[in-house]
Amino acid sequence: MNLSDIRRDYQLKQLDPKEVNADPIRQFEVWINEALDAKISDPTAMTLATATADGKPSARIVLLKYFSHDGFFFFTNYESRKGTELAENEQAALLFFWPELERQVRVEGHVIKASPELSDNYFASRPPESQLSAAISPQSKEVKDRSFLEELWTKKQQELGDDTIHRPDFWGGYRLVPEKIEFWQGRSNRLHDRVLYSRSADAWKLVRLAP
């Protein structure tokens, strides 16, 4: 198959700047609730793009766990590649893609660590097996093979017994504070609708972008 022959015409919905919420967080709430209602696969999955201090980018999928006017929250190992890059360069971007709804949302801003209390609360809500994996994984570091990880997991499990697993200091949350949020709705003939919110002090400026 010739990849250039793969085409899809988007016809489900439209996005009119006159009809969206003036608050982009409220508009995001509308869209993610529609994604949840549509029961699409992994609606909270988002691409997180980070960069080193000298601008070399990398990207990976993480899961959105909370959002509010304070920002978009996700959790990971602070010593992972993304954690290392965020320590060097706080600028980052998120991308949500919901193909079933022919939509995407792009978020740009700076990232700061979530409060220890929020990280503790989220860690405590995770299944014990997930807590254990977070506690033993040297995320992003080279390991010999899978059996090495499984041995670490089993050893830690035996050490803990029935004890509660506490959040490791090297694991916790981040909050991306948005400076720009773009909503994209696929339209026919590639004349897609794009609406961009840009933060200006405590207000948001709303414009339409060409596709």
N, C-alpha and C. Protein backbone atom coordinates (compact mmCIF):
# COMPACT_ATOMS: atom_id res chain seq x y z
N MET A 1 0.85 -1.20 0.00
CA MET A 1 0.00 0.00 0.00
C MET A 1 0.88 1.25 0.00
N ASN A 2 0.50 2.21 -0.82
CA ASN A 2 1.19 3.49 -0.86
C ASN A 2 0.66 4.37 0.27
N LEU A 3 1.50 4.73 1.21
CA LEU A 3 1.04 5.51 2.36
C LEU A 3 0.41 6.83 1.95
N SER A 4 0.88 7.41 0.86
CA SER A 4 0.33 8.70 0.44
C SER A 4 -1.10 8.58 -0.07
N ASP A 5 -1.57 7.34 -0.31
CA ASP A 5 -2.94 7.13 -0.77
C ASP A 5 -3.94 7.02 0.38
N ILE A 6 -3.44 6.94 1.62
CA ILE A 6 -4.33 6.82 2.77
C ILE A 6 -4.94 8.18 3.08
N ARG A 7 -6.24 8.27 2.97
CA ARG A 7 -6.93 9.54 3.19
C ARG A 7 -8.21 9.31 4.00
N ARG A 8 -8.62 10.33 4.70
CA ARG A 8 -9.85 10.27 5.47
C ARG A 8 -10.52 11.63 5.41
N ASP A 9 -11.79 11.63 5.13
CA ASP A 9 -12.52 12.89 5.09
C ASP A 9 -13.26 13.05 6.42
N TYR A 10 -13.06 14.19 7.07
CA TYR A 10 -13.65 14.43 8.38
C TYR A 10 -14.97 15.19 8.23
N GLN A 11 -16.04 14.62 8.76
CA GLN A 11 -17.36 15.21 8.54
C GLN A 11 -18.25 15.21 9.79
N LEU A 12 -17.73 14.81 10.94
CA LEU A 12 -18.59 14.62 12.11
C LEU A 12 -19.14 15.91 12.69
N LYS A 13 -18.26 16.89 12.93
CA LYS A 13 -18.67 18.07 13.69
C LYS A 13 -18.00 19.30 13.14
N GLN A 14 -18.35 20.46 13.71
CA GLN A 14 -17.67 21.70 13.40
C GLN A 14 -17.31 22.41 14.70
N LEU A 15 -16.41 23.39 14.60
CA LEU A 15 -15.96 24.14 15.78
C LEU A 15 -16.00 25.62 15.44
N ASP A 16 -16.92 26.32 16.05
CA ASP A 16 -17.13 27.74 15.78
C ASP A 16 -16.65 28.55 16.98
N PRO A 17 -15.70 29.48 16.78
CA PRO A 17 -15.23 30.30 17.91
C PRO A 17 -16.34 31.05 18.62
N LYS A 18 -17.43 31.32 17.92
CA LYS A 18 -18.54 32.05 18.55
C LYS A 18 -19.32 31.16 19.53
N GLU A 19 -19.13 29.84 19.43
CA GLU A 19 -19.92 28.92 20.23
C GLU A 19 -19.14 28.22 21.33
N VAL A 20 -17.82 28.40 21.37
CA VAL A 20 -17.02 27.74 22.40
C VAL A 20 -17.08 28.52 23.70
N ASN A 21 -16.68 27.87 24.79
CA ASN A 21 -16.61 28.54 26.08
C ASN A 21 -15.45 29.53 26.09
N ALA A 22 -15.64 30.67 26.70
CA ALA A 22 -14.57 31.67 26.78
C ALA A 22 -13.41 31.20 27.63
N ASP A 23 -13.66 30.20 28.46
CA ASP A 23 -12.64 29.62 29.35
C ASP A 23 -12.15 28.31 28.72
N PRO A 24 -10.89 28.21 28.32
CA PRO A 24 -10.42 26.99 27.64
C PRO A 24 -10.45 25.75 28.53
N ILE A 25 -10.32 25.91 29.84
CA ILE A 25 -10.40 24.75 30.72
C ILE A 25 -11.82 24.19 30.72
N ARG A 26 -12.81 25.07 30.71
CA ARG A 26 -14.20 24.62 30.63
C ARG A 26 -14.47 23.98 29.26
N GLN A 27 -13.88 24.54 28.23
CA GLN A 27 -14.04 23.95 26.90
C GLN A 27 -13.39 22.57 26.85
N PHE A 28 -12.22 22.43 27.48
CA PHE A 28 -11.58 21.11 27.55
C PHE A 28 -12.44 20.13 28.32
N GLU A 29 -13.06 20.60 29.39
CA GLU A 29 -13.94 19.74 30.18
C GLU A 29 -15.09 19.21 29.32
N VAL A 30 -15.65 20.07 28.48
CA VAL A 30 -16.72 19.63 27.58
C VAL A 30 -16.21 18.53 26.65
N TRP A 31 -15.05 18.77 26.06
CA TRP A 31 -14.54 17.81 25.06
C TRP A 31 -14.12 16.49 25.70
N ILE A 32 -13.45 16.52 26.84
CA ILE A 32 -13.02 15.25 27.41
C ILE A 32 -14.22 14.47 27.94
N ASN A 33 -15.25 15.15 28.41
CA ASN A 33 -16.47 14.44 28.81
C ASN A 33 -17.15 13.78 27.61
N GLU A 34 -17.11 14.45 26.47
CA GLU A 34 -17.67 13.85 25.26
C GLU A 34 -16.83 12.65 24.82
N ALA A 35 -15.51 12.73 25.01
CA ALA A 35 -14.65 11.59 24.70
C ALA A 35 -14.95 10.41 25.63
N LEU A 36 -15.18 10.71 26.91
CA LEU A 36 -15.53 9.66 27.87
C LEU A 36 -16.89 9.05 27.54
N ASP A 37 -17.86 9.89 27.21
CA ASP A 37 -19.19 9.41 26.88
C ASP A 37 -19.17 8.53 25.63
N ALA A 38 -18.27 8.85 24.69
CA ALA A 38 -18.17 8.10 23.45
C ALA A 38 -17.44 6.76 23.66
N LYS A 39 -16.90 6.58 24.86
CA LYS A 39 -16.20 5.34 25.22
C LYS A 39 -15.07 5.02 24.23
N ILE A 40 -14.34 6.06 23.84
CA ILE A 40 -13.21 5.84 22.96
C ILE A 40 -12.06 5.24 23.75
N SER A 41 -11.12 4.65 23.05
CA SER A 41 -10.00 3.98 23.70
C SER A 41 -9.05 5.00 24.33
N ASP A 42 -8.74 4.80 25.60
CA ASP A 42 -7.76 5.63 26.32
C ASP A 42 -7.98 7.13 26.12
N PRO A 43 -9.11 7.67 26.51
CA PRO A 43 -9.37 9.09 26.29
C PRO A 43 -8.45 10.02 27.07
N THR A 44 -7.84 9.53 28.15
CA THR A 44 -6.94 10.38 28.94
C THR A 44 -5.48 10.26 28.50
N ALA A 45 -5.21 9.45 27.48
CA ALA A 45 -3.84 9.33 26.99
C ALA A 45 -3.44 10.61 26.27
N MET A 46 -2.23 11.07 26.53
CA MET A 46 -1.75 12.30 25.89
C MET A 46 -0.26 12.17 25.61
N THR A 47 0.15 12.73 24.50
CA THR A 47 1.57 12.81 24.19
C THR A 47 2.18 13.95 24.99
N LEU A 48 3.25 13.66 25.70
CA LEU A 48 3.99 14.68 26.44
C LEU A 48 5.32 14.91 25.72
N ALA A 49 5.52 16.12 25.25
CA ALA A 49 6.77 16.48 24.58
C ALA A 49 7.61 17.34 25.52
N THR A 50 8.86 16.94 25.71
CA THR A 50 9.80 17.70 26.53
C THR A 50 11.06 17.95 25.70
N ALA A 51 11.99 18.69 26.25
CA ALA A 51 13.24 18.97 25.54
C ALA A 51 14.36 19.19 26.54
N THR A 52 15.57 18.90 26.11
CA THR A 52 16.74 19.16 26.93
C THR A 52 17.01 20.66 26.99
N ALA A 53 17.99 21.04 27.76
CA ALA A 53 18.33 22.46 27.89
C ALA A 53 18.75 23.06 26.56
N ASP A 54 19.36 22.23 25.68
CA ASP A 54 19.78 22.74 24.38
C ASP A 54 18.75 22.49 23.29
N GLY A 55 17.54 22.08 23.68
CA GLY A 55 16.43 22.02 22.74
C GLY A 55 16.22 20.71 22.02
N LYS A 56 16.90 19.62 22.41
CA LYS A 56 16.68 18.33 21.76
C LYS A 56 15.39 17.73 22.30
N PRO A 57 14.40 17.49 21.43
CA PRO A 57 13.08 17.06 21.91
C PRO A 57 12.95 15.56 22.07
N SER A 58 11.98 15.16 22.87
CA SER A 58 11.55 13.77 22.96
C SER A 58 10.07 13.78 23.34
N ALA A 59 9.38 12.68 23.03
CA ALA A 59 7.95 12.61 23.30
C ALA A 59 7.56 11.20 23.67
N ARG A 60 6.49 11.08 24.46
CA ARG A 60 5.98 9.78 24.88
C ARG A 60 4.54 9.96 25.36
N ILE A 61 3.83 8.83 25.48
CA ILE A 61 2.45 8.88 25.95
C ILE A 61 2.43 8.76 27.48
N VAL A 62 1.70 9.65 28.12
CA VAL A 62 1.42 9.56 29.56
C VAL A 62 -0.09 9.71 29.74
N LEU A 63 -0.56 9.56 30.96
CA LEU A 63 -1.99 9.65 31.22
C LEU A 63 -2.34 10.88 32.06
N LEU A 64 -3.35 11.60 31.62
CA LEU A 64 -3.86 12.73 32.39
C LEU A 64 -4.62 12.18 33.60
N LYS A 65 -4.30 12.68 34.78
CA LYS A 65 -4.97 12.21 35.99
C LYS A 65 -5.88 13.25 36.63
N TYR A 66 -5.53 14.52 36.49
CA TYR A 66 -6.38 15.60 36.99
C TYR A 66 -6.21 16.79 36.04
N PHE A 67 -7.21 17.65 36.02
CA PHE A 67 -7.03 18.95 35.38
C PHE A 67 -7.92 19.95 36.10
N SER A 68 -7.47 21.19 36.10
CA SER A 68 -8.21 22.28 36.74
C SER A 68 -7.63 23.57 36.20
N HIS A 69 -8.07 24.69 36.74
CA HIS A 69 -7.48 25.95 36.32
C HIS A 69 -6.03 26.07 36.76
N ASP A 70 -5.59 25.18 37.64
CA ASP A 70 -4.17 25.17 38.02
C ASP A 70 -3.30 24.50 36.97
N GLY A 71 -3.89 23.65 36.12
CA GLY A 71 -3.10 22.99 35.10
C GLY A 71 -3.52 21.56 34.84
N PHE A 72 -2.69 20.86 34.07
CA PHE A 72 -2.92 19.47 33.69
C PHE A 72 -1.90 18.61 34.43
N PHE A 73 -2.37 17.58 35.15
CA PHE A 73 -1.53 16.82 36.06
C PHE A 73 -1.25 15.41 35.52
N PHE A 74 0.01 15.00 35.63
CA PHE A 74 0.39 13.63 35.33
C PHE A 74 1.46 13.21 36.34
N PHE A 75 1.75 11.90 36.40
CA PHE A 75 2.65 11.36 37.41
C PHE A 75 3.69 10.46 36.76
N THR A 76 4.90 10.47 37.32
CA THR A 76 5.98 9.67 36.73
C THR A 76 7.16 9.62 37.69
N ASN A 77 8.21 8.96 37.24
CA ASN A 77 9.47 8.89 37.97
C ASN A 77 10.26 10.18 37.70
N TYR A 78 10.61 10.90 38.75
CA TYR A 78 11.34 12.16 38.59
C TYR A 78 12.73 11.96 37.97
N GLU A 79 13.25 10.72 38.07
CA GLU A 79 14.59 10.44 37.54
C GLU A 79 14.55 9.83 36.15
N SER A 80 13.37 9.75 35.55
CA SER A 80 13.23 9.25 34.19
C SER A 80 13.76 10.28 33.20
N ARG A 81 13.77 9.92 31.92
CA ARG A 81 14.25 10.87 30.92
C ARG A 81 13.40 12.13 30.92
N LYS A 82 12.08 11.98 30.97
CA LYS A 82 11.23 13.17 30.96
C LYS A 82 11.44 14.00 32.21
N GLY A 83 11.63 13.33 33.35
CA GLY A 83 11.89 14.06 34.58
C GLY A 83 13.20 14.84 34.52
N THR A 84 14.22 14.21 33.96
CA THR A 84 15.52 14.87 33.82
C THR A 84 15.41 16.08 32.89
N GLU A 85 14.69 15.90 31.79
CA GLU A 85 14.55 17.00 30.85
C GLU A 85 13.72 18.15 31.44
N LEU A 86 12.68 17.82 32.20
CA LEU A 86 11.89 18.87 32.82
C LEU A 86 12.67 19.63 33.88
N ALA A 87 13.65 18.96 34.50
CA ALA A 87 14.51 19.65 35.46
C ALA A 87 15.42 20.64 34.75
N GLU A 88 15.78 20.34 33.50
CA GLU A 88 16.64 21.22 32.71
C GLU A 88 15.85 22.32 32.01
N ASN A 89 14.65 21.96 31.55
CA ASN A 89 13.86 22.85 30.70
C ASN A 89 12.39 22.66 31.06
N GLU A 90 11.78 23.64 31.68
CA GLU A 90 10.41 23.50 32.18
C GLU A 90 9.35 23.63 31.09
N GLN A 91 9.74 24.01 29.88
CA GLN A 91 8.79 24.16 28.80
C GLN A 91 8.40 22.79 28.24
N ALA A 92 7.12 22.58 28.03
CA ALA A 92 6.64 21.29 27.54
C ALA A 92 5.32 21.47 26.81
N ALA A 93 4.88 20.39 26.15
CA ALA A 93 3.62 20.43 25.42
C ALA A 93 2.89 19.11 25.58
N LEU A 94 1.56 19.18 25.49
CA LEU A 94 0.70 18.00 25.54
C LEU A 94 -0.11 17.93 24.26
N LEU A 95 -0.43 16.71 23.84
CA LEU A 95 -1.31 16.52 22.69
C LEU A 95 -2.29 15.40 22.98
N PHE A 96 -3.57 15.71 22.93
CA PHE A 96 -4.64 14.71 23.01
C PHE A 96 -5.14 14.47 21.59
N PHE A 97 -5.34 13.21 21.21
CA PHE A 97 -5.88 12.88 19.90
C PHE A 97 -7.00 11.88 20.08
N TRP A 98 -8.19 12.29 19.67
CA TRP A 98 -9.39 11.46 19.77
C TRP A 98 -9.92 11.21 18.36
N PRO A 99 -9.35 10.24 17.63
CA PRO A 99 -9.72 10.04 16.22
C PRO A 99 -11.19 9.71 16.02
N GLU A 100 -11.80 9.01 16.99
CA GLU A 100 -13.21 8.68 16.85
C GLU A 100 -14.10 9.92 16.78
N LEU A 101 -13.63 11.01 17.39
CA LEU A 101 -14.38 12.27 17.37
C LEU A 101 -13.77 13.27 16.38
N GLU A 102 -12.69 12.83 15.69
CA GLU A 102 -11.99 13.69 14.72
C GLU A 102 -11.53 14.98 15.39
N ARG A 103 -10.90 14.82 16.58
CA ARG A 103 -10.50 15.98 17.37
C ARG A 103 -9.09 15.81 17.93
N GLN A 104 -8.44 16.93 18.14
CA GLN A 104 -7.23 16.94 18.94
C GLN A 104 -7.16 18.24 19.74
N VAL A 105 -6.42 18.18 20.83
CA VAL A 105 -6.19 19.35 21.67
C VAL A 105 -4.69 19.45 21.93
N ARG A 106 -4.13 20.62 21.69
CA ARG A 106 -2.71 20.88 21.94
C ARG A 106 -2.59 21.87 23.08
N VAL A 107 -1.69 21.58 24.02
CA VAL A 107 -1.49 22.44 25.19
C VAL A 107 0.00 22.74 25.31
N GLU A 108 0.35 24.01 25.43
CA GLU A 108 1.74 24.42 25.62
C GLU A 108 1.86 25.22 26.91
N GLY A 109 2.97 25.02 27.62
CA GLY A 109 3.17 25.77 28.85
C GLY A 109 4.42 25.34 29.57
N HIS A 110 4.49 25.69 30.85
CA HIS A 110 5.65 25.29 31.65
C HIS A 110 5.19 24.32 32.72
N VAL A 111 6.11 23.48 33.16
CA VAL A 111 5.79 22.39 34.07
C VAL A 111 6.48 22.59 35.40
N ILE A 112 5.74 22.36 36.49
CA ILE A 112 6.30 22.38 37.83
C ILE A 112 5.83 21.13 38.55
N LYS A 113 6.54 20.76 39.60
CA LYS A 113 6.14 19.58 40.36
C LYS A 113 4.85 19.84 41.12
N ALA A 114 4.02 18.81 41.18
CA ALA A 114 2.82 18.88 42.00
C ALA A 114 3.21 18.85 43.47
N SER A 115 2.29 19.21 44.34
CA SER A 115 2.58 19.21 45.77
C SER A 115 2.82 17.79 46.26
N PRO A 116 3.66 17.61 47.27
CA PRO A 116 3.86 16.27 47.84
C PRO A 116 2.56 15.64 48.32
N GLU A 117 1.65 16.45 48.85
CA GLU A 117 0.37 15.92 49.34
C GLU A 117 -0.45 15.32 48.20
N LEU A 118 -0.48 16.02 47.06
CA LEU A 118 -1.23 15.49 45.92
C LEU A 118 -0.57 14.22 45.40
N SER A 119 0.76 14.21 45.33
CA SER A 119 1.47 13.02 44.88
C SER A 119 1.23 11.85 45.82
N ASP A 120 1.25 12.12 47.13
CA ASP A 120 0.98 11.06 48.11
C ASP A 120 -0.43 10.50 47.94
N ASN A 121 -1.39 11.39 47.77
CA ASN A 121 -2.78 10.95 47.65
C ASN A 121 -2.99 10.12 46.39
N TYR A 122 -2.40 10.57 45.29
CA TYR A 122 -2.57 9.79 44.06
C TYR A 122 -1.87 8.44 44.16
N PHE A 123 -0.65 8.44 44.70
CA PHE A 123 0.08 7.17 44.83
C PHE A 123 -0.70 6.18 45.67
N ALA A 124 -1.32 6.67 46.74
CA ALA A 124 -2.09 5.79 47.63
C ALA A 124 -3.32 5.23 46.94
N SER A 125 -3.81 5.90 45.91
CA SER A 125 -5.01 5.43 45.21
C SER A 125 -4.69 4.37 44.16
N ARG A 126 -3.42 4.17 43.85
CA ARG A 126 -3.05 3.22 42.80
C ARG A 126 -3.15 1.78 43.30
N PRO A 127 -3.36 0.82 42.42
CA PRO A 127 -3.33 -0.59 42.83
C PRO A 127 -1.96 -0.93 43.44
N PRO A 128 -1.92 -1.80 44.44
CA PRO A 128 -0.64 -2.15 45.07
C PRO A 128 0.42 -2.62 44.08
N GLU A 129 -0.01 -3.33 43.04
CA GLU A 129 0.96 -3.82 42.05
C GLU A 129 1.61 -2.65 41.29
N SER A 130 0.82 -1.62 41.00
CA SER A 130 1.35 -0.45 40.33
C SER A 130 2.28 0.34 41.25
N GLN A 131 1.91 0.42 42.52
CA GLN A 131 2.78 1.07 43.49
C GLN A 131 4.13 0.38 43.55
N LEU A 132 4.09 -0.95 43.57
CA LEU A 132 5.31 -1.74 43.67
C LEU A 132 6.19 -1.53 42.44
N SER A 133 5.58 -1.53 41.27
CA SER A 133 6.35 -1.31 40.04
C SER A 133 7.02 0.06 40.05
N ALA A 134 6.30 1.08 40.51
CA ALA A 134 6.89 2.42 40.59
C ALA A 134 8.05 2.46 41.56
N ALA A 135 7.95 1.70 42.64
CA ALA A 135 8.98 1.73 43.68
C ALA A 135 10.27 1.04 43.24
N ILE A 136 10.17 0.04 42.37
CA ILE A 136 11.39 -0.73 42.02
C ILE A 136 11.98 -0.36 40.67
N SER A 137 11.23 0.33 39.81
CA SER A 137 11.71 0.55 38.45
C SER A 137 12.71 1.70 38.35
N PRO A 138 13.92 1.43 37.83
CA PRO A 138 14.86 2.52 37.53
C PRO A 138 14.52 3.10 36.16
N GLN A 139 13.40 3.77 36.07
CA GLN A 139 12.80 4.14 34.79
C GLN A 139 13.78 4.86 33.88
N SER A 140 13.79 4.45 32.61
CA SER A 140 14.62 5.00 31.53
C SER A 140 16.08 4.55 31.60
N LYS A 141 16.47 3.83 32.66
CA LYS A 141 17.85 3.34 32.76
C LYS A 141 17.97 1.98 32.07
N GLU A 142 19.15 1.68 31.57
CA GLU A 142 19.39 0.40 30.91
C GLU A 142 19.37 -0.73 31.94
N VAL A 143 18.69 -1.82 31.60
CA VAL A 143 18.66 -3.02 32.45
C VAL A 143 19.05 -4.22 31.61
N LYS A 144 19.51 -5.26 32.28
CA LYS A 144 20.02 -6.45 31.59
C LYS A 144 18.94 -7.16 30.81
N ASP A 145 17.82 -7.44 31.46
CA ASP A 145 16.71 -8.14 30.83
C ASP A 145 15.47 -8.02 31.71
N ARG A 146 14.37 -8.60 31.25
CA ARG A 146 13.13 -8.49 32.02
C ARG A 146 13.21 -9.23 33.35
N SER A 147 13.95 -10.34 33.36
CA SER A 147 14.04 -11.11 34.60
C SER A 147 14.66 -10.28 35.72
N PHE A 148 15.54 -9.35 35.38
CA PHE A 148 16.13 -8.45 36.38
C PHE A 148 15.03 -7.64 37.06
N LEU A 149 14.10 -7.09 36.25
CA LEU A 149 13.01 -6.31 36.81
C LEU A 149 12.07 -7.17 37.63
N GLU A 150 11.77 -8.37 37.12
CA GLU A 150 10.87 -9.26 37.85
C GLU A 150 11.46 -9.69 39.18
N GLU A 151 12.77 -9.88 39.23
CA GLU A 151 13.43 -10.23 40.48
C GLU A 151 13.38 -9.08 41.47
N LEU A 152 13.58 -7.86 40.98
CA LEU A 152 13.46 -6.69 41.85
C LEU A 152 12.04 -6.59 42.42
N TRP A 153 11.05 -6.83 41.56
CA TRP A 153 9.64 -6.73 41.97
C TRP A 153 9.33 -7.76 43.05
N THR A 154 9.76 -9.01 42.82
CA THR A 154 9.48 -10.08 43.78
C THR A 154 10.20 -9.85 45.10
N LYS A 155 11.44 -9.40 45.02
CA LYS A 155 12.21 -9.14 46.23
C LYS A 155 11.55 -8.04 47.07
N LYS A 156 11.13 -6.97 46.42
CA LYS A 156 10.48 -5.87 47.13
C LYS A 156 9.17 -6.33 47.73
N GLN A 157 8.41 -7.14 47.00
CA GLN A 157 7.15 -7.66 47.49
C GLN A 157 7.35 -8.49 48.75
N GLN A 158 8.39 -9.31 48.75
CA GLN A 158 8.68 -10.14 49.92
C GLN A 158 9.13 -9.30 51.10
N GLU A 159 9.90 -8.26 50.83
CA GLU A 159 10.36 -7.37 51.90
C GLU A 159 9.19 -6.66 52.57
N LEU A 160 8.23 -6.23 51.78
CA LEU A 160 7.11 -5.46 52.31
C LEU A 160 6.08 -6.32 53.03
N GLY A 161 5.86 -7.51 52.51
CA GLY A 161 4.82 -8.34 53.10
C GLY A 161 3.48 -7.64 53.01
N ASP A 162 2.82 -7.47 54.14
CA ASP A 162 1.52 -6.79 54.17
C ASP A 162 1.64 -5.30 54.49
N ASP A 163 2.87 -4.79 54.57
CA ASP A 163 3.07 -3.37 54.89
C ASP A 163 2.60 -2.48 53.74
N THR A 164 2.21 -1.28 54.10
CA THR A 164 1.82 -0.28 53.10
C THR A 164 3.04 0.19 52.33
N ILE A 165 2.86 0.35 51.02
CA ILE A 165 3.94 0.89 50.19
C ILE A 165 3.82 2.41 50.19
N HIS A 166 4.86 3.09 50.63
CA HIS A 166 4.85 4.54 50.64
C HIS A 166 5.46 5.09 49.36
N ARG A 167 5.00 6.24 48.94
CA ARG A 167 5.50 6.85 47.71
C ARG A 167 7.00 7.11 47.81
N PRO A 168 7.78 6.61 46.84
CA PRO A 168 9.21 6.92 46.84
C PRO A 168 9.45 8.40 46.58
N ASP A 169 10.54 8.93 47.11
CA ASP A 169 10.86 10.35 46.90
C ASP A 169 11.09 10.67 45.43
N PHE A 170 11.50 9.66 44.65
CA PHE A 170 11.82 9.90 43.24
C PHE A 170 10.61 9.78 42.32
N TRP A 171 9.43 9.64 42.88
CA TRP A 171 8.22 9.45 42.07
C TRP A 171 7.15 10.44 42.52
N GLY A 172 6.45 11.03 41.57
CA GLY A 172 5.39 11.96 41.95
C GLY A 172 4.78 12.66 40.76
N GLY A 173 4.08 13.75 41.04
CA GLY A 173 3.30 14.42 40.02
C GLY A 173 3.97 15.66 39.45
N TYR A 174 3.48 16.02 38.27
CA TYR A 174 3.84 17.28 37.61
C TYR A 174 2.56 18.00 37.22
N ARG A 175 2.68 19.30 37.11
CA ARG A 175 1.54 20.13 36.68
C ARG A 175 2.00 21.00 35.52
N LEU A 176 1.37 20.80 34.35
CA LEU A 176 1.66 21.69 33.23
C LEU A 176 0.71 22.88 33.29
N VAL A 177 1.27 24.05 33.47
CA VAL A 177 0.50 25.29 33.55
C VAL A 177 0.34 25.82 32.13
N PRO A 178 -0.87 25.83 31.57
CA PRO A 178 -1.03 26.17 30.16
C PRO A 178 -0.85 27.65 29.86
N GLU A 179 -0.19 27.90 28.75
CA GLU A 179 -0.06 29.26 28.22
C GLU A 179 -0.79 29.38 26.89
N LYS A 180 -0.91 28.25 26.18
CA LYS A 180 -1.69 28.19 24.94
C LYS A 180 -2.45 26.87 24.92
N ILE A 181 -3.70 26.91 24.47
CA ILE A 181 -4.50 25.69 24.30
C ILE A 181 -5.22 25.81 22.95
N GLU A 182 -4.97 24.83 22.09
CA GLU A 182 -5.59 24.84 20.77
C GLU A 182 -6.54 23.64 20.62
N PHE A 183 -7.75 23.92 20.14
CA PHE A 183 -8.74 22.89 19.86
C PHE A 183 -8.85 22.74 18.34
N TRP A 184 -8.76 21.49 17.87
CA TRP A 184 -8.79 21.19 16.43
C TRP A 184 -9.92 20.23 16.15
N GLN A 185 -10.76 20.59 15.20
CA GLN A 185 -11.86 19.73 14.77
C GLN A 185 -11.69 19.43 13.28
N GLY A 186 -11.57 18.16 12.94
CA GLY A 186 -11.43 17.80 11.54
C GLY A 186 -12.67 18.20 10.74
N ARG A 187 -12.43 18.73 9.53
CA ARG A 187 -13.51 19.13 8.63
C ARG A 187 -13.24 18.61 7.23
N SER A 188 -14.27 18.58 6.43
CA SER A 188 -14.16 18.06 5.08
C SER A 188 -13.20 18.91 4.23
N ASN A 189 -12.58 18.27 3.26
CA ASN A 189 -11.68 18.92 2.31
C ASN A 189 -10.46 19.55 2.96
N ARG A 190 -10.12 19.06 4.16
CA ARG A 190 -8.95 19.55 4.90
C ARG A 190 -9.08 21.01 5.34
N LEU A 191 -10.29 21.56 5.30
CA LEU A 191 -10.52 22.90 5.83
C LEU A 191 -10.92 22.78 7.30
N HIS A 192 -9.97 22.29 8.09
CA HIS A 192 -10.24 22.00 9.49
C HIS A 192 -10.49 23.28 10.29
N ASP A 193 -11.23 23.12 11.40
CA ASP A 193 -11.45 24.23 12.33
C ASP A 193 -10.39 24.19 13.41
N ARG A 194 -9.75 25.33 13.65
CA ARG A 194 -8.74 25.44 14.72
C ARG A 194 -9.03 26.70 15.53
N VAL A 195 -9.13 26.53 16.84
CA VAL A 195 -9.39 27.64 17.75
C VAL A 195 -8.27 27.68 18.78
N LEU A 196 -7.62 28.81 18.90
CA LEU A 196 -6.47 28.96 19.80
C LEU A 196 -6.78 29.94 20.92
N TYR A 197 -6.55 29.49 22.16
CA TYR A 197 -6.60 30.34 23.34
C TYR A 197 -5.16 30.64 23.76
N SER A 198 -4.83 31.91 23.96
CA SER A 198 -3.51 32.32 24.45
C SER A 198 -3.69 33.11 25.73
N ARG A 199 -2.90 32.76 26.74
CA ARG A 199 -3.03 33.44 28.03
C ARG A 199 -2.40 34.84 27.97
N SER A 200 -3.13 35.80 28.47
CA SER A 200 -2.63 37.17 28.58
C SER A 200 -2.96 37.65 29.98
N ALA A 201 -1.93 37.68 30.84
CA ALA A 201 -2.14 37.99 32.27
C ALA A 201 -3.13 36.97 32.83
N ASP A 202 -4.25 37.45 33.36
CA ASP A 202 -5.25 36.55 33.94
C ASP A 202 -6.41 36.27 32.98
N ALA A 203 -6.26 36.68 31.72
CA ALA A 203 -7.33 36.50 30.75
C ALA A 203 -6.84 35.62 29.60
N TRP A 204 -7.78 35.21 28.76
CA TRP A 204 -7.46 34.38 27.59
C TRP A 204 -7.92 35.10 26.33
N LYS A 205 -7.03 35.13 25.34
CA LYS A 205 -7.35 35.67 24.03
C LYS A 205 -7.75 34.51 23.13
N LEU A 206 -8.83 34.66 22.37
CA LEU A 206 -9.35 33.59 21.52
C LEU A 206 -9.32 34.03 20.06
N VAL A 207 -8.69 33.19 19.20
CA VAL A 207 -8.64 33.47 17.77
C VAL A 207 -8.88 32.19 16.99
N ARG A 208 -9.29 32.33 15.74
CA ARG A 208 -9.36 31.20 14.81
C ARG A 208 -8.06 31.15 14.03
N LEU A 209 -7.55 29.93 13.79
CA LEU A 209 -6.36 29.73 12.98
C LEU A 209 -6.73 29.06 11.67
N ALA A 210 -5.97 29.36 10.64
CA ALA A 210 -6.15 28.67 9.37
C ALA A 210 -5.71 27.22 9.53
N PRO A 211 -6.32 26.29 8.78
CA PRO A 211 -5.94 24.87 8.92
C PRO A 211 -4.54 24.59 8.37
